[in-house]
Amino acid sequence: MRSGRTDKDRFWAVFVINLIIFIAELLVGLYSGSLTMLSDSFHLSIHVIASIVALISEYGFLGLPQEKTKKWSAAVNIFLFFILALVIGNEAWERLLNPKAVNITIVFFLVGIAGLLANWYTVKVLESSPDEEFSENRDILFWEMIYDYVSSIILIACAVIIYFTGWYILDPILSIVLALTMVFKAVQMSLRFRSIHHGHGPHRH
């Protein structure tokens, strides 16, 4: 799957896949009233933006040096996760105080599983082999998709439990978990970013 792929090819693939799943999850989240599904769709929106930023770094922008563009695009991607976590955490706290009903349907599960499979595929697309040249933006996107894979598992588990028990309060609780996961991910990526730009070298995956 890695053979013959350039970073541009990888970023385009990640962009298209995440855009499709983002739209599907957003629609299902709005219909079902599930904050967990909406949180995951917002999470995917960051991946869409991150993919666009990564693509800009590959094509160049306003004549800026490509290395500088890549550095700033990586920093923007990391910053967006802190913002998203804050928004989701705030909404989750309000719903925790006033839980809302969630309409779980077969479509909900199908979209959740589709998101899980999409995450797995994008991880494989972005994965690099030891002999490949290190790509900072690809490395950041790779770890974003790893954590999103975990988020998809949480989403599906939440839907199953709510479907059989009616514990609607679990929806905002797991949304807070997702928000904390985003913060953890952003902090970890920040440390990796700082390590790379202070001469300690990249951590290969």
N, C-alpha and C. Protein backbone atom coordinates (compact mmCIF):
# COMPACT_ATOMS: atom_id res chain seq x y z
N MET A 1 0.82 -1.21 0.00
CA MET A 1 0.00 0.00 0.00
C MET A 1 0.85 1.26 0.00
N ARG A 2 2.08 1.14 0.50
CA ARG A 2 2.94 2.32 0.58
C ARG A 2 3.71 2.57 -0.70
N SER A 3 3.93 1.48 -1.48
CA SER A 3 4.81 1.57 -2.64
C SER A 3 4.29 2.56 -3.67
N GLY A 4 5.17 3.45 -4.11
CA GLY A 4 4.83 4.38 -5.18
C GLY A 4 4.03 5.59 -4.73
N ARG A 5 3.64 5.66 -3.46
CA ARG A 5 2.85 6.78 -2.98
C ARG A 5 3.75 7.95 -2.58
N THR A 6 3.36 9.15 -2.96
CA THR A 6 4.04 10.35 -2.49
C THR A 6 3.21 10.92 -1.34
N ASP A 7 3.77 11.90 -0.61
CA ASP A 7 3.01 12.53 0.47
C ASP A 7 1.78 13.23 -0.07
N LYS A 8 1.88 13.80 -1.27
CA LYS A 8 0.71 14.44 -1.87
C LYS A 8 -0.40 13.42 -2.08
N ASP A 9 -0.05 12.24 -2.59
CA ASP A 9 -1.04 11.18 -2.80
C ASP A 9 -1.70 10.80 -1.48
N ARG A 10 -0.87 10.65 -0.45
CA ARG A 10 -1.37 10.25 0.86
C ARG A 10 -2.32 11.32 1.42
N PHE A 11 -1.91 12.57 1.35
CA PHE A 11 -2.72 13.65 1.92
C PHE A 11 -4.04 13.81 1.17
N TRP A 12 -4.02 13.63 -0.15
CA TRP A 12 -5.26 13.69 -0.92
C TRP A 12 -6.20 12.57 -0.51
N ALA A 13 -5.66 11.37 -0.33
CA ALA A 13 -6.47 10.21 0.07
C ALA A 13 -7.09 10.45 1.44
N VAL A 14 -6.30 10.93 2.38
CA VAL A 14 -6.79 11.21 3.73
C VAL A 14 -7.86 12.30 3.69
N PHE A 15 -7.65 13.32 2.87
CA PHE A 15 -8.61 14.42 2.75
C PHE A 15 -9.96 13.91 2.25
N VAL A 16 -9.96 13.16 1.16
CA VAL A 16 -11.22 12.69 0.55
C VAL A 16 -11.96 11.74 1.50
N ILE A 17 -11.24 10.79 2.09
CA ILE A 17 -11.88 9.82 2.99
C ILE A 17 -12.48 10.52 4.20
N ASN A 18 -11.71 11.41 4.82
CA ASN A 18 -12.21 12.08 6.01
C ASN A 18 -13.36 13.03 5.71
N LEU A 19 -13.35 13.66 4.53
CA LEU A 19 -14.43 14.55 4.15
C LEU A 19 -15.74 13.77 4.02
N ILE A 20 -15.68 12.61 3.39
CA ILE A 20 -16.89 11.78 3.21
C ILE A 20 -17.43 11.31 4.55
N ILE A 21 -16.55 10.78 5.40
CA ILE A 21 -17.00 10.28 6.70
C ILE A 21 -17.46 11.43 7.60
N PHE A 22 -16.80 12.58 7.50
CA PHE A 22 -17.21 13.76 8.28
C PHE A 22 -18.65 14.14 7.97
N ILE A 23 -18.99 14.23 6.68
CA ILE A 23 -20.34 14.60 6.27
C ILE A 23 -21.36 13.57 6.77
N ALA A 24 -21.01 12.27 6.62
CA ALA A 24 -21.91 11.21 7.06
C ALA A 24 -22.14 11.27 8.56
N GLU A 25 -21.07 11.43 9.34
CA GLU A 25 -21.19 11.47 10.80
C GLU A 25 -21.92 12.73 11.27
N LEU A 26 -21.68 13.84 10.60
CA LEU A 26 -22.35 15.09 10.96
C LEU A 26 -23.86 14.96 10.79
N LEU A 27 -24.28 14.39 9.65
CA LEU A 27 -25.71 14.23 9.38
C LEU A 27 -26.36 13.27 10.38
N VAL A 28 -25.70 12.15 10.64
CA VAL A 28 -26.23 11.16 11.59
C VAL A 28 -26.23 11.73 13.00
N GLY A 29 -25.18 12.48 13.35
CA GLY A 29 -25.10 13.09 14.67
C GLY A 29 -26.22 14.08 14.90
N LEU A 30 -26.52 14.91 13.90
CA LEU A 30 -27.61 15.88 14.01
C LEU A 30 -28.96 15.19 14.11
N TYR A 31 -29.13 14.11 13.33
CA TYR A 31 -30.41 13.39 13.34
C TYR A 31 -30.62 12.65 14.66
N SER A 32 -29.57 12.00 15.16
CA SER A 32 -29.70 11.18 16.36
C SER A 32 -29.63 12.00 17.65
N GLY A 33 -29.01 13.18 17.58
CA GLY A 33 -28.83 13.98 18.78
C GLY A 33 -27.66 13.52 19.62
N SER A 34 -26.82 12.65 19.07
CA SER A 34 -25.67 12.11 19.82
C SER A 34 -24.51 13.09 19.80
N LEU A 35 -24.13 13.57 20.97
CA LEU A 35 -22.97 14.46 21.05
C LEU A 35 -21.69 13.71 20.76
N THR A 36 -21.67 12.42 21.12
CA THR A 36 -20.48 11.61 20.84
C THR A 36 -20.24 11.52 19.34
N MET A 37 -21.31 11.29 18.57
CA MET A 37 -21.18 11.22 17.11
C MET A 37 -20.80 12.60 16.55
N LEU A 38 -21.44 13.65 17.06
CA LEU A 38 -21.10 15.00 16.60
C LEU A 38 -19.65 15.35 16.94
N SER A 39 -19.22 14.93 18.15
CA SER A 39 -17.84 15.19 18.57
C SER A 39 -16.86 14.51 17.62
N ASP A 40 -17.19 13.27 17.26
CA ASP A 40 -16.31 12.54 16.35
C ASP A 40 -16.31 13.18 14.97
N SER A 41 -17.48 13.71 14.54
CA SER A 41 -17.53 14.36 13.23
C SER A 41 -16.71 15.66 13.26
N PHE A 42 -16.78 16.41 14.37
CA PHE A 42 -15.96 17.61 14.51
C PHE A 42 -14.48 17.25 14.54
N HIS A 43 -14.20 16.11 15.18
CA HIS A 43 -12.84 15.59 15.21
C HIS A 43 -12.35 15.35 13.78
N LEU A 44 -13.23 14.75 12.98
CA LEU A 44 -12.88 14.49 11.58
C LEU A 44 -12.72 15.79 10.79
N SER A 45 -13.49 16.81 11.17
CA SER A 45 -13.35 18.09 10.46
C SER A 45 -11.94 18.65 10.63
N ILE A 46 -11.34 18.38 11.79
CA ILE A 46 -9.96 18.79 12.01
C ILE A 46 -9.02 18.02 11.08
N HIS A 47 -9.32 16.73 10.88
CA HIS A 47 -8.50 15.94 9.96
C HIS A 47 -8.61 16.48 8.54
N VAL A 48 -9.81 16.92 8.16
CA VAL A 48 -10.01 17.50 6.84
C VAL A 48 -9.15 18.76 6.70
N ILE A 49 -9.23 19.63 7.71
CA ILE A 49 -8.44 20.86 7.69
C ILE A 49 -6.95 20.53 7.71
N ALA A 50 -6.57 19.56 8.56
CA ALA A 50 -5.16 19.16 8.67
C ALA A 50 -4.64 18.64 7.34
N SER A 51 -5.48 17.90 6.63
CA SER A 51 -5.08 17.37 5.32
C SER A 51 -4.88 18.51 4.32
N ILE A 52 -5.78 19.50 4.36
CA ILE A 52 -5.65 20.65 3.46
C ILE A 52 -4.37 21.42 3.76
N VAL A 53 -4.12 21.64 5.07
CA VAL A 53 -2.91 22.36 5.47
C VAL A 53 -1.66 21.59 5.04
N ALA A 54 -1.71 20.26 5.22
CA ALA A 54 -0.58 19.43 4.81
C ALA A 54 -0.36 19.49 3.30
N LEU A 55 -1.47 19.52 2.54
CA LEU A 55 -1.36 19.62 1.08
C LEU A 55 -0.77 20.97 0.68
N ILE A 56 -1.20 22.04 1.36
CA ILE A 56 -0.63 23.36 1.08
C ILE A 56 0.87 23.36 1.31
N SER A 57 1.29 22.65 2.38
CA SER A 57 2.72 22.59 2.68
C SER A 57 3.49 21.86 1.59
N GLU A 58 2.82 20.94 0.88
CA GLU A 58 3.48 20.20 -0.19
C GLU A 58 3.54 21.00 -1.48
N TYR A 59 2.50 21.77 -1.75
CA TYR A 59 2.44 22.54 -2.99
C TYR A 59 3.12 23.89 -2.89
N GLY A 60 3.36 24.33 -1.65
CA GLY A 60 3.95 25.65 -1.47
C GLY A 60 2.86 26.70 -1.37
N PHE A 61 3.16 27.82 -0.75
CA PHE A 61 2.14 28.84 -0.54
C PHE A 61 2.77 30.22 -0.52
N LEU A 62 2.30 31.10 -1.39
CA LEU A 62 2.74 32.50 -1.44
C LEU A 62 4.25 32.66 -1.56
N GLY A 63 4.88 31.67 -2.17
CA GLY A 63 6.31 31.76 -2.38
C GLY A 63 7.15 31.51 -1.15
N LEU A 64 6.51 31.09 -0.03
CA LEU A 64 7.28 30.83 1.19
C LEU A 64 8.11 29.57 1.04
N PRO A 65 9.26 29.49 1.70
CA PRO A 65 10.07 28.26 1.64
C PRO A 65 9.25 27.07 2.11
N GLN A 66 9.37 25.96 1.41
CA GLN A 66 8.54 24.79 1.71
C GLN A 66 8.75 24.29 3.14
N GLU A 67 9.99 24.30 3.62
CA GLU A 67 10.25 23.81 4.97
C GLU A 67 9.56 24.67 6.02
N LYS A 68 9.55 25.98 5.80
CA LYS A 68 8.88 26.88 6.74
C LYS A 68 7.37 26.64 6.70
N THR A 69 6.82 26.43 5.50
CA THR A 69 5.39 26.18 5.36
C THR A 69 5.00 24.89 6.07
N LYS A 70 5.81 23.86 5.92
CA LYS A 70 5.54 22.59 6.58
C LYS A 70 5.57 22.75 8.09
N LYS A 71 6.52 23.52 8.58
CA LYS A 71 6.65 23.73 10.03
C LYS A 71 5.41 24.43 10.57
N TRP A 72 4.96 25.50 9.91
CA TRP A 72 3.81 26.23 10.39
C TRP A 72 2.52 25.43 10.23
N SER A 73 2.40 24.64 9.17
CA SER A 73 1.19 23.83 8.98
C SER A 73 1.07 22.79 10.08
N ALA A 74 2.19 22.21 10.49
CA ALA A 74 2.18 21.23 11.58
C ALA A 74 1.73 21.89 12.88
N ALA A 75 2.21 23.10 13.13
CA ALA A 75 1.84 23.82 14.35
C ALA A 75 0.35 24.17 14.35
N VAL A 76 -0.19 24.57 13.21
CA VAL A 76 -1.61 24.89 13.09
C VAL A 76 -2.46 23.65 13.37
N ASN A 77 -2.07 22.51 12.81
CA ASN A 77 -2.80 21.27 13.03
C ASN A 77 -2.88 20.93 14.51
N ILE A 78 -1.79 21.10 15.22
CA ILE A 78 -1.76 20.80 16.64
C ILE A 78 -2.66 21.76 17.41
N PHE A 79 -2.59 23.05 17.10
CA PHE A 79 -3.37 24.07 17.80
C PHE A 79 -4.87 23.83 17.65
N LEU A 80 -5.31 23.37 16.47
CA LEU A 80 -6.73 23.16 16.22
C LEU A 80 -7.34 22.13 17.17
N PHE A 81 -6.53 21.16 17.60
CA PHE A 81 -7.05 20.13 18.50
C PHE A 81 -7.40 20.70 19.87
N PHE A 82 -6.61 21.66 20.35
CA PHE A 82 -6.92 22.30 21.64
C PHE A 82 -8.25 23.05 21.55
N ILE A 83 -8.47 23.77 20.45
CA ILE A 83 -9.71 24.52 20.25
C ILE A 83 -10.91 23.58 20.20
N LEU A 84 -10.80 22.51 19.43
CA LEU A 84 -11.90 21.57 19.28
C LEU A 84 -12.23 20.90 20.61
N ALA A 85 -11.22 20.52 21.37
CA ALA A 85 -11.44 19.87 22.66
C ALA A 85 -12.19 20.80 23.61
N LEU A 86 -11.87 22.09 23.57
CA LEU A 86 -12.53 23.07 24.42
C LEU A 86 -14.01 23.19 24.06
N VAL A 87 -14.32 23.25 22.78
CA VAL A 87 -15.70 23.38 22.32
C VAL A 87 -16.52 22.15 22.71
N ILE A 88 -15.97 20.96 22.44
CA ILE A 88 -16.68 19.72 22.76
C ILE A 88 -16.85 19.56 24.27
N GLY A 89 -15.80 19.86 25.03
CA GLY A 89 -15.87 19.75 26.49
C GLY A 89 -16.94 20.64 27.08
N ASN A 90 -17.07 21.85 26.57
CA ASN A 90 -18.07 22.80 27.06
C ASN A 90 -19.49 22.28 26.79
N GLU A 91 -19.73 21.80 25.57
CA GLU A 91 -21.06 21.27 25.22
C GLU A 91 -21.36 20.01 26.01
N ALA A 92 -20.36 19.16 26.19
CA ALA A 92 -20.55 17.92 26.95
C ALA A 92 -20.92 18.22 28.40
N TRP A 93 -20.30 19.23 28.98
CA TRP A 93 -20.59 19.59 30.37
C TRP A 93 -22.04 20.05 30.52
N GLU A 94 -22.53 20.83 29.55
CA GLU A 94 -23.91 21.30 29.58
C GLU A 94 -24.88 20.12 29.47
N ARG A 95 -24.55 19.16 28.62
CA ARG A 95 -25.42 17.99 28.46
C ARG A 95 -25.31 17.05 29.66
N LEU A 96 -24.18 17.08 30.32
CA LEU A 96 -24.02 16.26 31.52
C LEU A 96 -24.97 16.74 32.61
N LEU A 97 -25.17 18.05 32.67
CA LEU A 97 -26.08 18.63 33.65
C LEU A 97 -27.54 18.44 33.22
N ASN A 98 -27.75 18.32 31.90
CA ASN A 98 -29.10 18.16 31.37
C ASN A 98 -29.08 17.15 30.21
N PRO A 99 -29.00 15.84 30.53
CA PRO A 99 -28.89 14.79 29.49
C PRO A 99 -30.05 14.84 28.50
N LYS A 100 -29.75 14.59 27.23
CA LYS A 100 -30.76 14.57 26.18
C LYS A 100 -30.87 13.16 25.60
N ALA A 101 -32.06 12.84 25.10
CA ALA A 101 -32.28 11.52 24.50
C ALA A 101 -31.47 11.39 23.21
N VAL A 102 -31.03 10.18 22.94
CA VAL A 102 -30.24 9.90 21.73
C VAL A 102 -30.95 8.82 20.93
N ASN A 103 -31.16 9.08 19.65
CA ASN A 103 -31.86 8.13 18.78
C ASN A 103 -30.85 7.26 18.04
N ILE A 104 -30.62 6.05 18.55
CA ILE A 104 -29.65 5.13 17.95
C ILE A 104 -30.36 4.23 16.93
N THR A 105 -29.94 4.28 15.67
CA THR A 105 -30.54 3.47 14.61
C THR A 105 -29.45 2.62 13.94
N ILE A 106 -29.88 1.77 13.02
CA ILE A 106 -28.94 0.93 12.28
C ILE A 106 -27.98 1.80 11.46
N VAL A 107 -28.48 2.93 10.97
CA VAL A 107 -27.64 3.84 10.19
C VAL A 107 -26.51 4.38 11.07
N PHE A 108 -26.84 4.67 12.33
CA PHE A 108 -25.84 5.14 13.29
C PHE A 108 -24.68 4.15 13.36
N PHE A 109 -25.03 2.86 13.54
CA PHE A 109 -23.99 1.83 13.65
C PHE A 109 -23.21 1.67 12.35
N LEU A 110 -23.90 1.74 11.22
CA LEU A 110 -23.23 1.58 9.92
C LEU A 110 -22.22 2.70 9.69
N VAL A 111 -22.62 3.94 10.02
CA VAL A 111 -21.71 5.08 9.84
C VAL A 111 -20.54 4.97 10.82
N GLY A 112 -20.82 4.54 12.05
CA GLY A 112 -19.76 4.36 13.04
C GLY A 112 -18.73 3.34 12.59
N ILE A 113 -19.21 2.22 12.05
CA ILE A 113 -18.30 1.17 11.56
C ILE A 113 -17.54 1.66 10.34
N ALA A 114 -18.22 2.41 9.46
CA ALA A 114 -17.56 2.98 8.28
C ALA A 114 -16.42 3.91 8.71
N GLY A 115 -16.67 4.70 9.75
CA GLY A 115 -15.63 5.59 10.28
C GLY A 115 -14.45 4.81 10.82
N LEU A 116 -14.74 3.70 11.50
CA LEU A 116 -13.68 2.86 12.05
C LEU A 116 -12.81 2.28 10.94
N LEU A 117 -13.45 1.77 9.89
CA LEU A 117 -12.72 1.20 8.75
C LEU A 117 -11.93 2.28 8.01
N ALA A 118 -12.53 3.48 7.90
CA ALA A 118 -11.83 4.59 7.22
C ALA A 118 -10.58 4.97 7.99
N ASN A 119 -10.67 4.99 9.32
CA ASN A 119 -9.50 5.30 10.14
C ASN A 119 -8.40 4.27 9.94
N TRP A 120 -8.79 3.02 9.92
CA TRP A 120 -7.80 1.94 9.72
C TRP A 120 -7.10 2.12 8.37
N TYR A 121 -7.89 2.42 7.33
CA TYR A 121 -7.32 2.56 5.99
C TYR A 121 -6.36 3.75 5.91
N THR A 122 -6.76 4.89 6.50
CA THR A 122 -5.89 6.07 6.44
C THR A 122 -4.61 5.87 7.24
N VAL A 123 -4.69 5.09 8.31
CA VAL A 123 -3.47 4.76 9.07
C VAL A 123 -2.51 3.99 8.17
N LYS A 124 -3.04 3.03 7.41
CA LYS A 124 -2.20 2.25 6.50
C LYS A 124 -1.64 3.12 5.38
N VAL A 125 -2.45 4.07 4.90
CA VAL A 125 -2.00 4.98 3.83
C VAL A 125 -0.84 5.85 4.31
N LEU A 126 -0.94 6.33 5.55
CA LEU A 126 0.05 7.26 6.08
C LEU A 126 1.27 6.57 6.68
N GLU A 127 1.16 5.28 6.94
CA GLU A 127 2.26 4.55 7.56
C GLU A 127 3.51 4.59 6.68
N SER A 128 4.65 4.76 7.31
CA SER A 128 5.90 4.80 6.56
C SER A 128 6.79 3.63 6.95
N SER A 129 7.67 3.26 6.04
CA SER A 129 8.62 2.18 6.32
C SER A 129 9.95 2.79 6.79
N PRO A 130 10.79 2.02 7.47
CA PRO A 130 12.04 2.54 8.02
C PRO A 130 12.96 3.20 7.00
N ASP A 131 12.87 2.78 5.73
CA ASP A 131 13.79 3.32 4.73
C ASP A 131 13.24 4.56 4.03
N GLU A 132 12.02 5.02 4.42
CA GLU A 132 11.45 6.20 3.81
C GLU A 132 11.95 7.47 4.49
N GLU A 133 12.01 8.55 3.71
CA GLU A 133 12.41 9.84 4.27
C GLU A 133 11.34 10.34 5.22
N PHE A 134 11.75 10.89 6.36
CA PHE A 134 10.80 11.36 7.37
C PHE A 134 10.01 12.55 6.86
N SER A 135 8.68 12.53 7.10
CA SER A 135 7.81 13.62 6.72
C SER A 135 7.04 14.06 7.96
N GLU A 136 7.30 15.26 8.41
CA GLU A 136 6.72 15.75 9.67
C GLU A 136 5.20 15.80 9.63
N ASN A 137 4.63 16.39 8.56
CA ASN A 137 3.18 16.48 8.48
C ASN A 137 2.52 15.12 8.36
N ARG A 138 3.16 14.21 7.65
CA ARG A 138 2.61 12.85 7.54
C ARG A 138 2.64 12.15 8.89
N ASP A 139 3.72 12.40 9.64
CA ASP A 139 3.86 11.79 10.96
C ASP A 139 2.75 12.29 11.89
N ILE A 140 2.46 13.59 11.84
CA ILE A 140 1.41 14.16 12.68
C ILE A 140 0.04 13.61 12.28
N LEU A 141 -0.23 13.57 10.96
CA LEU A 141 -1.50 13.02 10.49
C LEU A 141 -1.63 11.55 10.87
N PHE A 142 -0.54 10.81 10.81
CA PHE A 142 -0.54 9.39 11.16
C PHE A 142 -1.02 9.20 12.60
N TRP A 143 -0.45 9.96 13.53
CA TRP A 143 -0.83 9.82 14.93
C TRP A 143 -2.22 10.36 15.20
N GLU A 144 -2.65 11.36 14.43
CA GLU A 144 -4.02 11.84 14.55
C GLU A 144 -4.99 10.71 14.21
N MET A 145 -4.71 9.96 13.15
CA MET A 145 -5.60 8.89 12.74
C MET A 145 -5.55 7.70 13.70
N ILE A 146 -4.41 7.47 14.32
CA ILE A 146 -4.31 6.41 15.33
C ILE A 146 -5.26 6.72 16.48
N TYR A 147 -5.22 7.94 16.97
CA TYR A 147 -6.09 8.32 18.08
C TYR A 147 -7.55 8.36 17.64
N ASP A 148 -7.80 8.74 16.40
CA ASP A 148 -9.17 8.77 15.91
C ASP A 148 -9.73 7.36 15.80
N TYR A 149 -8.87 6.40 15.54
CA TYR A 149 -9.28 4.99 15.51
C TYR A 149 -9.83 4.59 16.88
N VAL A 150 -9.14 5.03 17.93
CA VAL A 150 -9.59 4.77 19.30
C VAL A 150 -10.92 5.47 19.55
N SER A 151 -11.05 6.71 19.05
CA SER A 151 -12.29 7.46 19.22
C SER A 151 -13.47 6.75 18.57
N SER A 152 -13.24 6.15 17.41
CA SER A 152 -14.30 5.42 16.71
C SER A 152 -14.76 4.21 17.52
N ILE A 153 -13.81 3.55 18.17
CA ILE A 153 -14.16 2.41 19.02
C ILE A 153 -15.02 2.87 20.20
N ILE A 154 -14.63 4.01 20.80
CA ILE A 154 -15.41 4.58 21.90
C ILE A 154 -16.82 4.93 21.43
N LEU A 155 -16.92 5.51 20.24
CA LEU A 155 -18.21 5.90 19.68
C LEU A 155 -19.13 4.70 19.53
N ILE A 156 -18.63 3.62 18.95
CA ILE A 156 -19.44 2.42 18.72
C ILE A 156 -19.83 1.78 20.05
N ALA A 157 -18.89 1.71 20.98
CA ALA A 157 -19.18 1.14 22.30
C ALA A 157 -20.27 1.94 23.01
N CYS A 158 -20.19 3.26 22.90
CA CYS A 158 -21.18 4.14 23.51
C CYS A 158 -22.57 3.87 22.92
N ALA A 159 -22.64 3.74 21.59
CA ALA A 159 -23.92 3.50 20.92
C ALA A 159 -24.53 2.18 21.35
N VAL A 160 -23.71 1.14 21.47
CA VAL A 160 -24.20 -0.18 21.87
C VAL A 160 -24.80 -0.13 23.28
N ILE A 161 -24.08 0.50 24.20
CA ILE A 161 -24.54 0.58 25.60
C ILE A 161 -25.83 1.39 25.70
N ILE A 162 -25.87 2.54 25.01
CA ILE A 162 -27.08 3.38 25.06
C ILE A 162 -28.26 2.65 24.43
N TYR A 163 -28.02 1.93 23.35
CA TYR A 163 -29.09 1.22 22.65
C TYR A 163 -29.76 0.18 23.56
N PHE A 164 -28.94 -0.53 24.34
CA PHE A 164 -29.49 -1.61 25.17
C PHE A 164 -29.89 -1.16 26.58
N THR A 165 -29.38 -0.02 27.04
CA THR A 165 -29.66 0.40 28.41
C THR A 165 -30.45 1.70 28.52
N GLY A 166 -30.35 2.56 27.49
CA GLY A 166 -31.01 3.85 27.57
C GLY A 166 -30.29 4.84 28.48
N TRP A 167 -29.01 4.57 28.77
CA TRP A 167 -28.23 5.47 29.63
C TRP A 167 -27.73 6.66 28.81
N TYR A 168 -28.60 7.63 28.60
CA TYR A 168 -28.26 8.77 27.75
C TYR A 168 -27.12 9.62 28.33
N ILE A 169 -26.96 9.58 29.65
CA ILE A 169 -25.91 10.37 30.26
C ILE A 169 -24.52 9.91 29.84
N LEU A 170 -24.46 8.67 29.31
CA LEU A 170 -23.17 8.15 28.85
C LEU A 170 -22.65 8.94 27.65
N ASP A 171 -23.57 9.52 26.88
CA ASP A 171 -23.19 10.28 25.68
C ASP A 171 -22.30 11.48 26.02
N PRO A 172 -22.71 12.38 26.94
CA PRO A 172 -21.81 13.49 27.29
C PRO A 172 -20.57 13.04 28.04
N ILE A 173 -20.68 11.96 28.83
CA ILE A 173 -19.51 11.47 29.55
C ILE A 173 -18.42 11.03 28.58
N LEU A 174 -18.81 10.25 27.57
CA LEU A 174 -17.82 9.78 26.59
C LEU A 174 -17.36 10.92 25.68
N SER A 175 -18.19 11.93 25.50
CA SER A 175 -17.76 13.10 24.74
C SER A 175 -16.63 13.82 25.47
N ILE A 176 -16.75 13.88 26.80
CA ILE A 176 -15.68 14.48 27.61
C ILE A 176 -14.42 13.65 27.49
N VAL A 177 -14.59 12.31 27.48
CA VAL A 177 -13.43 11.42 27.29
C VAL A 177 -12.76 11.71 25.95
N LEU A 178 -13.56 11.89 24.90
CA LEU A 178 -13.01 12.20 23.58
C LEU A 178 -12.27 13.54 23.60
N ALA A 179 -12.85 14.53 24.30
CA ALA A 179 -12.21 15.84 24.40
C ALA A 179 -10.87 15.73 25.11
N LEU A 180 -10.83 14.95 26.19
CA LEU A 180 -9.57 14.75 26.93
C LEU A 180 -8.56 14.00 26.08
N THR A 181 -9.07 13.07 25.26
CA THR A 181 -8.18 12.33 24.35
C THR A 181 -7.54 13.29 23.35
N MET A 182 -8.33 14.25 22.87
CA MET A 182 -7.80 15.25 21.93
C MET A 182 -6.71 16.10 22.58
N VAL A 183 -6.96 16.50 23.84
CA VAL A 183 -5.96 17.29 24.55
C VAL A 183 -4.68 16.50 24.73
N PHE A 184 -4.83 15.22 25.13
CA PHE A 184 -3.66 14.36 25.30
C PHE A 184 -2.90 14.22 24.00
N LYS A 185 -3.66 14.03 22.91
CA LYS A 185 -3.04 13.89 21.60
C LYS A 185 -2.31 15.16 21.20
N ALA A 186 -2.95 16.31 21.43
CA ALA A 186 -2.34 17.59 21.05
C ALA A 186 -1.07 17.84 21.85
N VAL A 187 -1.10 17.52 23.15
CA VAL A 187 0.09 17.69 23.98
C VAL A 187 1.21 16.79 23.50
N GLN A 188 0.87 15.52 23.20
CA GLN A 188 1.89 14.58 22.73
C GLN A 188 2.50 15.05 21.41
N MET A 189 1.65 15.50 20.49
CA MET A 189 2.15 15.97 19.20
C MET A 189 2.98 17.24 19.37
N SER A 190 2.60 18.08 20.34
CA SER A 190 3.38 19.29 20.62
C SER A 190 4.78 18.93 21.09
N LEU A 191 4.87 17.92 21.94
CA LEU A 191 6.17 17.48 22.45
C LEU A 191 7.01 16.88 21.32
N ARG A 192 6.35 16.12 20.44
CA ARG A 192 7.06 15.55 19.28
C ARG A 192 7.54 16.66 18.36
N PHE A 193 6.67 17.65 18.14
CA PHE A 193 6.99 18.79 17.28
C PHE A 193 8.18 19.56 17.86
N ARG A 194 8.15 19.79 19.18
CA ARG A 194 9.23 20.52 19.85
C ARG A 194 10.54 19.72 19.78
N SER A 195 10.44 18.41 19.95
CA SER A 195 11.63 17.55 19.91
C SER A 195 12.28 17.60 18.53
N ILE A 196 11.44 17.55 17.50
CA ILE A 196 11.95 17.57 16.12
C ILE A 196 12.69 18.87 15.83
N HIS A 197 12.12 20.00 16.30
CA HIS A 197 12.69 21.30 15.95
C HIS A 197 13.73 21.79 16.95
N HIS A 198 14.08 20.93 17.90
CA HIS A 198 15.18 21.26 18.81
C HIS A 198 16.33 20.27 18.64
N GLY A 199 16.31 19.59 17.49
CA GLY A 199 17.46 18.78 17.13
C GLY A 199 17.55 17.40 17.74
N HIS A 200 16.43 16.92 18.35
CA HIS A 200 16.48 15.58 18.94
C HIS A 200 16.10 14.50 17.94
N GLY A 201 15.64 14.94 16.78
CA GLY A 201 15.33 13.97 15.73
C GLY A 201 13.93 13.42 15.87
N PRO A 202 13.36 12.89 14.77
CA PRO A 202 12.01 12.38 14.78
C PRO A 202 11.93 10.99 15.39
N HIS A 203 10.74 10.66 15.87
CA HIS A 203 10.45 9.30 16.32
C HIS A 203 9.75 8.59 15.18
N ARG A 204 10.32 7.53 14.70
CA ARG A 204 9.73 6.83 13.57
C ARG A 204 8.54 6.02 14.02
N HIS A 205 7.60 5.80 13.10
CA HIS A 205 6.50 4.91 13.41
C HIS A 205 6.56 3.74 12.42
